[in-house]
Amino acid sequence: MSSMIDRRRFLQLGVAAPGFAVGCGAKSEEPSTRTRVGEMQYRPLGDTGLTVSEVAFGTHGVDNPHLMSAALEAGVNTFCTSGRYLDGREEEALGRSIASLGGRRDQVVILTGNKLTSGDTKRTIQGDIDASLRRLGTDRIEVYYNAEVRTPADVLYDPLFEAIEEAKAAGKVRHLAMSGHSGGMQECLEAAIEDDRYEVLFTKYDFVSYPDQDQILRRAARRGMGAIVFKTNAGHRQQELKDLEAGGLSFPQATVKWALTNPAVASVAVTLKNFDEIGEYASAVGSTLARSEVEMMRRYADEMYDRYCRFCGICEASCPHGVAVADVMRYAMYFRYYGREKDAMRQYGALARQRSAALCDRCPGPCDARCPFGREVRAELVDAHRRLSFSIA
C-alpha cells in the first residue's frame, strides 16, 4: 500500500496507465481477438472458452426483466448478479428475461455468486448454487464467484473448492471466479492468480485507487484468467465537480472506455438503470477514448485524490472502537451517489452496533492520520452515520 501514498507518484498514473495513454498520442493496445456484432463488441474471457460483451449488465438493484431483455436485444450477452441482491429477485428477473430467448440460452453468460461466511460448508454452498439455478430457471451457471473476499483465507476456502468441484462434475457450474472491492483486494487477487482453481477475476478497477492493479491483471491474463471489472467510475461523484462533463462529455462512459483500453479486461459491468443507458453504453464501446475524456478523468483524479475512499481499510487498525470504516464508507457512497438509499441503510443497519460509526462524533479521530490519502475520515464517518442510521434509530 505504500505505493499509493505519494500524491506526485499517484498523479503520474495519468501518464503510465494504458487508458490515459490513449488520446495523448500513445498507441492503444487493442486485443487482436476483439469482435463486433452491430454496435456491441466482444472479447474472450481468458481461456474459459466464453465470449463476453464489452459491457456487462450489473444487475445490482435491478429486477426489471424488460430492461434486461432490451439489453439482450442490444447485444449485451453477459449478466452479473447475485442471489443476495434484492432477496433473489434479480436472479428471478434475469431468469424471466432469459426464458424469452427460447432456445438461445447458449448466447448468454451468467455470473452469480455469494459472500461466504466461516460457517459455510460444502453442503450450504451447494444449496446456494441450487437456489440460484432455480431462480434463474436454468441448468447451469457459466461463472460462479466467491463474493466480497477480504483476505487470502477467504479466497482459499476448501469447502468452496469441494462444492465447485462437484457442481462442475454435475454440469451446474462451468468456471470459478473471485470477487472483491475492499481492503486486502490486491492480496486476494494475487492469491487467486496463484491458485489454479480460479479461472476468472470479477473485481473493482478504477483509475484512482491501486497503481499496481494493472500489473496484477496482466499477470492473470498471462495465466489464462479472464477479468470482468466493475466500479470503474471511482465513486460516481462527477456531479460534485462543476462543468466536469461540459461539452456533452459523459464521465461514466469515459471510464468504461478507459477500462477497456486494458487488453487484460474482457468486460466492464455497469448497472444499466434505464433503456436509454443501454444504447449509450453499447455505442460508447465502439469509440476511442478521446483527449477531452482523458483530461476530464485527470481532473477527477486530481480533485478526488483526498476525497474518495478506496476502501483499503488501513485506517481501521487505528480505530479504538473497531469501526468497519471501509464498509461504512461504501454504504455512504451507495446512499449519496448511487441513488440506493434504502439498500445502503439496510446494509448499514445489519452491521453489528460496535462496528457502526455511532461513536465517531466523540472520538479524536486517529483514523485521519492513518489514511494514506490524507482524507478527513472521522468527519466522513460522522456524516455517514447521520445519513444511514435512520433505519436503526
Protein backbone atom coordinates (compact mmCIF):
# COMPACT_ATOMS: atom_id res chain seq x y z
CA MET A 1 0.00 0.00 0.00
CA SER A 2 3.00 2.30 0.33
CA SER A 3 2.93 2.74 -3.43
CA MET A 4 -0.38 4.63 -3.02
CA ILE A 5 0.78 7.23 -0.53
CA ASP A 6 2.83 9.66 -2.60
CA ARG A 7 0.50 12.12 -4.34
CA ARG A 8 3.02 13.07 -7.01
CA ARG A 9 3.58 9.44 -7.96
CA PHE A 10 -0.13 8.81 -7.89
CA LEU A 11 -0.95 11.57 -10.34
CA GLN A 12 1.67 10.18 -12.73
CA LEU A 13 -0.79 7.33 -13.21
CA GLY A 14 -2.30 9.57 -15.87
CA VAL A 15 0.83 9.08 -17.96
CA ALA A 16 1.53 5.44 -17.23
CA ALA A 17 -1.87 3.76 -17.25
CA PRO A 18 -2.91 2.33 -20.64
CA GLY A 19 -6.25 4.14 -20.70
CA PHE A 20 -4.73 7.54 -20.13
CA ALA A 21 -2.10 6.98 -22.77
CA VAL A 22 -4.84 6.75 -25.36
CA GLY A 23 -5.70 10.25 -26.58
CA CYS A 24 -2.26 11.56 -25.63
CA GLY A 25 -0.57 10.25 -28.71
CA ALA A 26 0.40 6.81 -27.42
CA LYS A 27 -0.50 3.69 -29.30
CA SER A 28 -3.56 1.83 -28.00
CA GLU A 29 -3.24 -1.86 -27.25
CA GLU A 30 -6.31 -3.34 -28.91
CA PRO A 31 -6.97 -7.04 -28.32
CA SER A 32 -6.49 -8.89 -31.60
CA THR A 33 -9.50 -11.10 -30.81
CA ARG A 34 -11.97 -8.25 -30.39
CA THR A 35 -15.09 -8.87 -32.47
CA ARG A 36 -18.07 -6.71 -33.33
CA VAL A 37 -21.75 -7.51 -33.80
CA GLY A 38 -23.86 -4.43 -34.54
CA GLU A 39 -22.83 -1.74 -32.07
CA MET A 40 -21.70 -4.09 -29.29
CA GLN A 41 -18.22 -5.60 -29.23
CA TYR A 42 -16.99 -8.83 -27.66
CA ARG A 43 -13.86 -10.36 -26.16
CA PRO A 44 -12.80 -13.81 -24.99
CA LEU A 45 -12.93 -14.32 -21.22
CA GLY A 46 -9.40 -15.60 -20.74
CA ASP A 47 -9.06 -19.28 -21.57
CA THR A 48 -12.57 -20.19 -20.42
CA GLY A 49 -13.91 -20.53 -23.95
CA LEU A 50 -16.59 -17.94 -23.17
CA THR A 51 -17.07 -14.78 -25.24
CA VAL A 52 -18.42 -11.78 -23.34
CA SER A 53 -19.82 -8.43 -24.39
CA GLU A 54 -17.56 -5.49 -23.55
CA VAL A 55 -20.41 -4.06 -21.49
CA ALA A 56 -21.92 -6.47 -18.98
CA PHE A 57 -25.22 -5.82 -17.20
CA GLY A 58 -24.51 -5.45 -13.49
CA THR A 59 -27.95 -6.17 -12.06
CA HIS A 60 -27.31 -4.89 -8.52
CA GLY A 61 -30.58 -3.23 -7.51
CA VAL A 62 -32.36 -4.05 -10.80
CA ASP A 63 -35.22 -6.55 -11.04
CA ASN A 64 -36.83 -5.42 -14.31
CA PRO A 65 -36.89 -8.31 -16.83
CA HIS A 66 -37.98 -5.98 -19.64
CA LEU A 67 -34.86 -3.86 -19.15
CA MET A 68 -32.70 -6.99 -19.19
CA SER A 69 -34.40 -8.19 -22.37
CA ALA A 70 -33.72 -4.83 -24.02
CA ALA A 71 -30.05 -5.20 -23.10
CA LEU A 72 -30.02 -8.66 -24.69
CA GLU A 73 -31.50 -7.22 -27.87
CA ALA A 74 -28.76 -4.54 -27.86
CA GLY A 75 -26.09 -7.23 -27.81
CA VAL A 76 -25.30 -7.43 -24.08
CA ASN A 77 -24.76 -11.14 -23.51
CA THR A 78 -23.16 -11.03 -20.04
CA PHE A 79 -25.10 -10.55 -16.79
CA CYS A 80 -23.57 -10.20 -13.33
CA THR A 81 -25.93 -10.87 -10.46
CA SER A 82 -26.12 -12.50 -7.04
CA GLY A 83 -28.64 -14.47 -5.03
CA ARG A 84 -28.10 -11.97 -2.19
CA TYR A 85 -29.32 -8.96 -4.15
CA LEU A 86 -32.96 -7.94 -3.59
CA ASP A 87 -33.58 -11.27 -1.83
CA GLY A 88 -33.12 -13.15 -5.08
CA ARG A 89 -35.45 -11.00 -7.18
CA GLU A 90 -32.62 -10.01 -9.51
CA GLU A 91 -31.92 -13.62 -10.42
CA GLU A 92 -35.64 -14.27 -10.87
CA ALA A 93 -35.96 -11.28 -13.22
CA LEU A 94 -32.94 -12.40 -15.20
CA GLY A 95 -34.44 -15.89 -15.42
CA ARG A 96 -37.65 -14.50 -16.91
CA SER A 97 -35.67 -12.45 -19.40
CA ILE A 98 -33.56 -15.42 -20.49
CA ALA A 99 -36.66 -17.57 -20.84
CA SER A 100 -37.88 -15.15 -23.50
CA LEU A 101 -34.91 -16.17 -25.65
CA GLY A 102 -36.34 -19.61 -26.20
CA GLY A 103 -33.59 -21.94 -27.38
CA ARG A 104 -30.88 -19.28 -27.39
CA ARG A 105 -29.65 -19.85 -23.82
CA ASP A 106 -26.13 -20.55 -25.14
CA GLN A 107 -25.86 -16.90 -26.14
CA VAL A 108 -25.94 -15.72 -22.52
CA VAL A 109 -23.11 -15.70 -19.96
CA ILE A 110 -24.31 -15.63 -16.35
CA LEU A 111 -22.14 -14.64 -13.40
CA THR A 112 -23.63 -15.14 -9.98
CA GLY A 113 -22.29 -15.88 -6.53
CA ASN A 114 -22.48 -15.24 -2.82
CA LYS A 115 -20.39 -13.96 0.05
CA LEU A 116 -19.13 -16.86 2.14
CA THR A 117 -19.01 -16.96 5.92
CA SER A 118 -16.84 -19.06 8.21
CA GLY A 119 -19.85 -21.26 8.89
CA ASP A 120 -20.42 -22.19 5.24
CA THR A 121 -19.91 -25.84 4.37
CA LYS A 122 -19.79 -27.71 1.10
CA ARG A 123 -23.47 -28.50 1.59
CA THR A 124 -24.59 -24.91 2.24
CA ILE A 125 -22.62 -23.66 -0.76
CA GLN A 126 -24.17 -26.33 -2.95
CA GLY A 127 -27.55 -25.23 -1.61
CA ASP A 128 -26.80 -21.63 -2.66
CA ILE A 129 -25.86 -22.82 -6.16
CA ASP A 130 -29.06 -24.86 -6.49
CA ALA A 131 -31.16 -21.94 -5.24
CA SER A 132 -29.61 -19.64 -7.84
CA LEU A 133 -30.28 -22.19 -10.58
CA ARG A 134 -33.95 -22.37 -9.56
CA ARG A 135 -34.35 -18.59 -9.52
CA LEU A 136 -32.55 -18.24 -12.84
CA GLY A 137 -34.61 -21.02 -14.40
CA THR A 138 -31.53 -22.62 -15.94
CA ASP A 139 -29.48 -25.78 -15.54
CA ARG A 140 -26.06 -24.13 -15.42
CA ILE A 141 -24.12 -21.06 -14.33
CA GLU A 142 -21.24 -20.03 -16.56
CA VAL A 143 -19.25 -18.34 -13.78
CA TYR A 144 -19.88 -18.72 -10.04
CA TYR A 145 -17.99 -16.22 -7.92
CA ASN A 146 -16.71 -16.09 -4.34
CA ALA A 147 -18.01 -12.63 -3.38
CA GLU A 148 -16.58 -9.82 -1.25
CA VAL A 149 -13.35 -11.56 -0.31
CA ARG A 150 -11.12 -9.57 2.04
CA THR A 151 -8.23 -11.88 2.90
CA PRO A 152 -6.36 -14.70 1.15
CA ALA A 153 -8.04 -17.05 3.64
CA ASP A 154 -11.39 -16.05 2.11
CA VAL A 155 -10.01 -16.92 -1.32
CA LEU A 156 -8.54 -20.28 -0.34
CA TYR A 157 -11.64 -21.75 1.29
CA ASP A 158 -11.66 -25.54 0.99
CA PRO A 159 -15.45 -26.09 1.32
CA LEU A 160 -15.92 -23.77 -1.68
CA PHE A 161 -13.49 -25.76 -3.80
CA GLU A 162 -15.16 -29.03 -2.81
CA ALA A 163 -18.61 -27.66 -3.67
CA ILE A 164 -17.47 -26.23 -7.02
CA GLU A 165 -15.70 -29.46 -8.00
CA GLU A 166 -18.93 -31.41 -7.53
CA ALA A 167 -21.00 -28.68 -9.21
CA LYS A 168 -18.70 -28.78 -12.24
CA ALA A 169 -18.94 -32.56 -12.41
CA ALA A 170 -22.73 -32.26 -12.37
CA GLY A 171 -22.66 -29.58 -15.10
CA LYS A 172 -24.14 -26.92 -12.81
CA VAL A 173 -21.13 -24.56 -12.84
CA ARG A 174 -18.54 -24.11 -15.56
CA HIS A 175 -15.97 -21.75 -14.01
CA LEU A 176 -14.98 -20.29 -10.62
CA ALA A 177 -14.27 -16.61 -10.03
CA MET A 178 -13.03 -14.43 -7.19
CA SER A 179 -14.69 -11.08 -6.50
CA GLY A 180 -13.56 -8.24 -4.24
CA HIS A 181 -13.66 -4.49 -3.78
CA SER A 182 -12.49 -3.81 -0.21
CA GLY A 183 -9.28 -3.72 1.80
CA GLY A 184 -6.86 -6.53 1.01
CA MET A 185 -8.12 -6.77 -2.56
CA GLN A 186 -4.66 -6.84 -4.15
CA GLU A 187 -3.51 -9.65 -1.87
CA CYS A 188 -6.71 -11.55 -2.68
CA LEU A 189 -6.15 -11.14 -6.41
CA GLU A 190 -2.62 -12.46 -6.02
CA ALA A 191 -3.88 -15.49 -4.07
CA ALA A 192 -6.46 -16.28 -6.76
CA ILE A 193 -3.87 -15.99 -9.52
CA GLU A 194 -1.53 -18.39 -7.75
CA ASP A 195 -4.32 -20.93 -7.20
CA ASP A 196 -5.19 -22.60 -10.50
CA ARG A 197 -8.74 -23.41 -9.38
CA TYR A 198 -9.80 -19.82 -10.09
CA GLU A 199 -10.34 -19.03 -13.77
CA VAL A 200 -11.95 -15.57 -13.66
CA LEU A 201 -11.44 -12.34 -11.69
CA PHE A 202 -14.53 -10.20 -11.04
CA THR A 203 -13.03 -7.13 -9.44
CA LYS A 204 -13.21 -3.42 -8.76
CA TYR A 205 -10.97 -1.50 -11.16
CA ASP A 206 -10.64 2.28 -11.40
CA PHE A 207 -8.08 4.95 -12.21
CA VAL A 208 -7.66 6.49 -8.76
CA SER A 209 -7.10 3.52 -6.44
CA TYR A 210 -4.42 0.91 -6.97
CA PRO A 211 -1.50 1.72 -9.31
CA ASP A 212 -0.29 -1.89 -9.06
CA GLN A 213 -3.52 -3.43 -10.29
CA ASP A 214 -2.61 -3.18 -13.98
CA GLN A 215 0.39 -5.42 -13.35
CA ILE A 216 -1.78 -7.87 -11.43
CA LEU A 217 -4.32 -8.08 -14.25
CA ARG A 218 -1.57 -8.59 -16.82
CA ARG A 219 -0.14 -11.43 -14.75
CA ALA A 220 -3.60 -13.00 -14.53
CA ALA A 221 -4.02 -12.73 -18.30
CA ARG A 222 -0.69 -14.49 -18.88
CA ARG A 223 -2.06 -17.39 -16.81
CA GLY A 224 -5.17 -17.52 -18.97
CA MET A 225 -7.51 -15.94 -16.43
CA GLY A 226 -10.33 -13.73 -17.64
CA ALA A 227 -11.23 -10.43 -15.98
CA ILE A 228 -14.58 -8.67 -15.70
CA VAL A 229 -14.34 -5.38 -13.80
CA PHE A 230 -16.76 -3.01 -12.08
CA LYS A 231 -16.89 0.32 -10.22
CA THR A 232 -14.72 1.94 -12.92
CA ASN A 233 -16.12 5.41 -12.17
CA ALA A 234 -14.26 5.75 -8.84
CA GLY A 235 -17.15 6.70 -6.60
CA HIS A 236 -19.56 8.16 -9.17
CA ARG A 237 -19.06 11.67 -7.77
CA GLN A 238 -18.82 13.62 -11.03
CA GLN A 239 -21.74 15.85 -10.03
CA GLU A 240 -19.56 17.40 -7.31
CA LEU A 241 -17.18 18.88 -9.89
CA LYS A 242 -18.60 21.87 -11.71
CA ASP A 243 -18.60 21.59 -15.51
CA LEU A 244 -16.71 18.28 -15.42
CA GLU A 245 -18.93 16.91 -18.17
CA ALA A 246 -19.16 20.18 -20.13
CA GLY A 247 -19.45 19.89 -23.88
CA GLY A 248 -21.53 16.73 -23.82
CA LEU A 249 -18.91 14.52 -22.17
CA SER A 250 -20.07 11.53 -20.14
CA PHE A 251 -17.82 10.63 -17.23
CA PRO A 252 -19.25 7.11 -16.68
CA GLN A 253 -18.93 6.23 -20.36
CA ALA A 254 -15.36 7.54 -20.45
CA THR A 255 -14.36 5.34 -17.51
CA VAL A 256 -15.77 2.28 -19.27
CA LYS A 257 -13.79 3.09 -22.40
CA TRP A 258 -10.70 3.67 -20.23
CA ALA A 259 -11.00 0.23 -18.60
CA LEU A 260 -11.38 -1.44 -21.99
CA THR A 261 -8.11 0.03 -23.25
CA ASN A 262 -6.51 -2.57 -20.97
CA PRO A 263 -6.30 -5.76 -23.08
CA ALA A 264 -6.44 -7.84 -19.88
CA VAL A 265 -10.01 -6.63 -19.27
CA ALA A 266 -12.69 -8.59 -21.12
CA SER A 267 -15.80 -6.74 -19.96
CA VAL A 268 -16.98 -3.90 -17.72
CA ALA A 269 -20.04 -4.49 -15.56
CA VAL A 270 -22.34 -1.46 -15.48
CA THR A 271 -25.65 -1.08 -13.67
CA LEU A 272 -28.00 -0.18 -16.52
CA LYS A 273 -30.82 1.73 -14.86
CA ASN A 274 -32.95 2.65 -17.88
CA PHE A 275 -33.45 1.92 -21.56
CA ASP A 276 -31.51 4.99 -22.76
CA GLU A 277 -28.36 3.88 -20.93
CA ILE A 278 -28.36 0.58 -22.79
CA GLY A 279 -27.90 2.29 -26.13
CA GLU A 280 -25.47 4.86 -24.75
CA TYR A 281 -23.07 2.29 -23.33
CA ALA A 282 -23.42 -0.04 -26.30
CA SER A 283 -22.37 2.75 -28.65
CA ALA A 284 -19.65 4.03 -26.31
CA VAL A 285 -17.61 0.82 -26.52
CA GLY A 286 -17.32 1.26 -30.26
CA SER A 287 -15.46 4.57 -29.97
CA THR A 288 -11.95 5.54 -28.90
CA LEU A 289 -11.17 7.32 -25.65
CA ALA A 290 -10.76 10.96 -26.69
CA ARG A 291 -8.25 13.53 -25.40
CA SER A 292 -11.11 15.53 -23.87
CA GLU A 293 -12.22 12.43 -21.94
CA VAL A 294 -8.68 11.82 -20.74
CA GLU A 295 -8.45 15.38 -19.42
CA MET A 296 -11.82 15.02 -17.71
CA MET A 297 -10.63 11.88 -15.91
CA ARG A 298 -7.32 13.51 -14.96
CA ARG A 299 -9.18 16.40 -13.38
CA TYR A 300 -11.44 14.00 -11.48
CA ALA A 301 -8.43 12.00 -10.23
CA ASP A 302 -6.69 15.17 -9.07
CA GLU A 303 -9.65 16.72 -7.28
CA MET A 304 -10.83 13.45 -5.75
CA TYR A 305 -7.40 12.36 -4.54
CA ASP A 306 -8.07 13.19 -0.88
CA ARG A 307 -11.87 12.88 -1.05
CA TYR A 308 -12.51 9.41 -2.46
CA CYS A 309 -12.33 6.40 -0.11
CA ARG A 310 -10.58 3.43 -1.72
CA PHE A 311 -11.93 1.08 0.99
CA CYS A 312 -8.35 -0.01 1.66
CA GLY A 313 -9.01 -0.46 5.39
CA ILE A 314 -5.62 0.87 6.51
CA CYS A 315 -7.14 3.36 8.93
CA GLU A 316 -9.25 0.69 10.65
CA ALA A 317 -6.28 -0.61 12.63
CA SER A 318 -6.06 2.71 14.49
CA CYS A 319 -9.75 2.84 15.48
CA PRO A 320 -10.24 2.40 19.24
CA HIS A 321 -13.86 1.33 18.69
CA GLY A 322 -13.40 -1.21 15.89
CA VAL A 323 -15.47 0.68 13.33
CA ALA A 324 -15.81 -1.08 9.96
CA VAL A 325 -14.58 2.02 8.15
CA ALA A 326 -14.42 0.57 4.63
CA ASP A 327 -17.92 -0.89 4.85
CA VAL A 328 -19.41 2.30 6.31
CA MET A 329 -17.79 4.40 3.59
CA ARG A 330 -19.07 2.06 0.89
CA TYR A 331 -22.64 2.21 2.20
CA ALA A 332 -22.39 6.01 2.37
CA MET A 333 -21.24 6.04 -1.26
CA TYR A 334 -24.26 3.96 -2.30
CA PHE A 335 -26.54 6.34 -0.37
CA ARG A 336 -25.14 9.62 -1.65
CA TYR A 337 -24.02 8.88 -5.19
CA TYR A 338 -25.77 5.76 -6.46
CA GLY A 339 -29.36 6.51 -5.51
CA ARG A 340 -29.58 3.35 -3.41
CA GLU A 341 -30.65 4.94 -0.13
CA LYS A 342 -32.82 2.12 1.20
CA ASP A 343 -30.33 -0.59 0.31
CA ALA A 344 -27.47 1.38 1.88
CA MET A 345 -29.44 1.94 5.09
CA ARG A 346 -30.39 -1.73 5.23
CA GLN A 347 -26.77 -2.83 4.90
CA TYR A 348 -25.63 -0.31 7.49
CA GLY A 349 -28.35 -1.44 9.86
CA ALA A 350 -27.11 -5.03 9.51
CA LEU A 351 -23.69 -4.09 10.88
CA ALA A 352 -23.02 -5.00 14.49
CA ARG A 353 -23.60 -1.92 16.64
CA GLN A 354 -19.95 -1.79 17.74
CA ARG A 355 -18.85 -1.83 14.08
CA SER A 356 -21.00 1.18 13.17
CA ALA A 357 -19.89 4.82 13.27
CA ALA A 358 -22.15 5.66 16.22
CA LEU A 359 -19.27 6.76 18.47
CA CYS A 360 -17.21 8.63 15.87
CA ASP A 361 -18.54 12.07 16.87
CA ARG A 362 -16.93 11.62 20.31
CA CYS A 363 -13.59 10.32 19.06
CA PRO A 364 -10.40 12.37 18.43
CA GLY A 365 -10.07 10.64 15.05
CA PRO A 366 -6.76 8.74 14.89
CA CYS A 367 -8.05 7.38 11.57
CA ASP A 368 -7.33 10.75 9.92
CA ALA A 369 -3.59 10.40 10.48
CA ARG A 370 -3.55 6.83 9.13
CA CYS A 371 -5.30 7.48 5.81
CA PRO A 372 -2.68 7.19 3.01
CA PHE A 373 -4.54 9.85 1.04
CA GLY A 374 -4.98 12.46 3.77
CA ARG A 375 -8.76 12.17 3.89
CA GLU A 376 -10.84 13.57 6.75
CA VAL A 377 -12.04 10.12 7.72
CA ARG A 378 -13.67 10.90 11.07
CA ALA A 379 -15.81 13.72 9.68
CA GLU A 380 -16.97 11.49 6.83
CA LEU A 381 -17.85 8.71 9.26
CA VAL A 382 -19.91 11.09 11.38
CA ASP A 383 -21.75 12.26 8.26
CA ALA A 384 -22.24 8.67 7.10
CA HIS A 385 -23.79 7.65 10.42
CA ARG A 386 -26.17 10.62 10.29
CA ARG A 387 -27.36 9.68 6.81
CA LEU A 388 -27.56 5.93 7.28
CA SER A 389 -28.77 5.46 10.82
CA PHE A 390 -32.49 6.23 10.43
CA SER A 391 -33.18 2.54 9.98
CA ILE A 392 -31.55 1.67 13.31
CA ALA A 393 -32.63 4.67 15.39
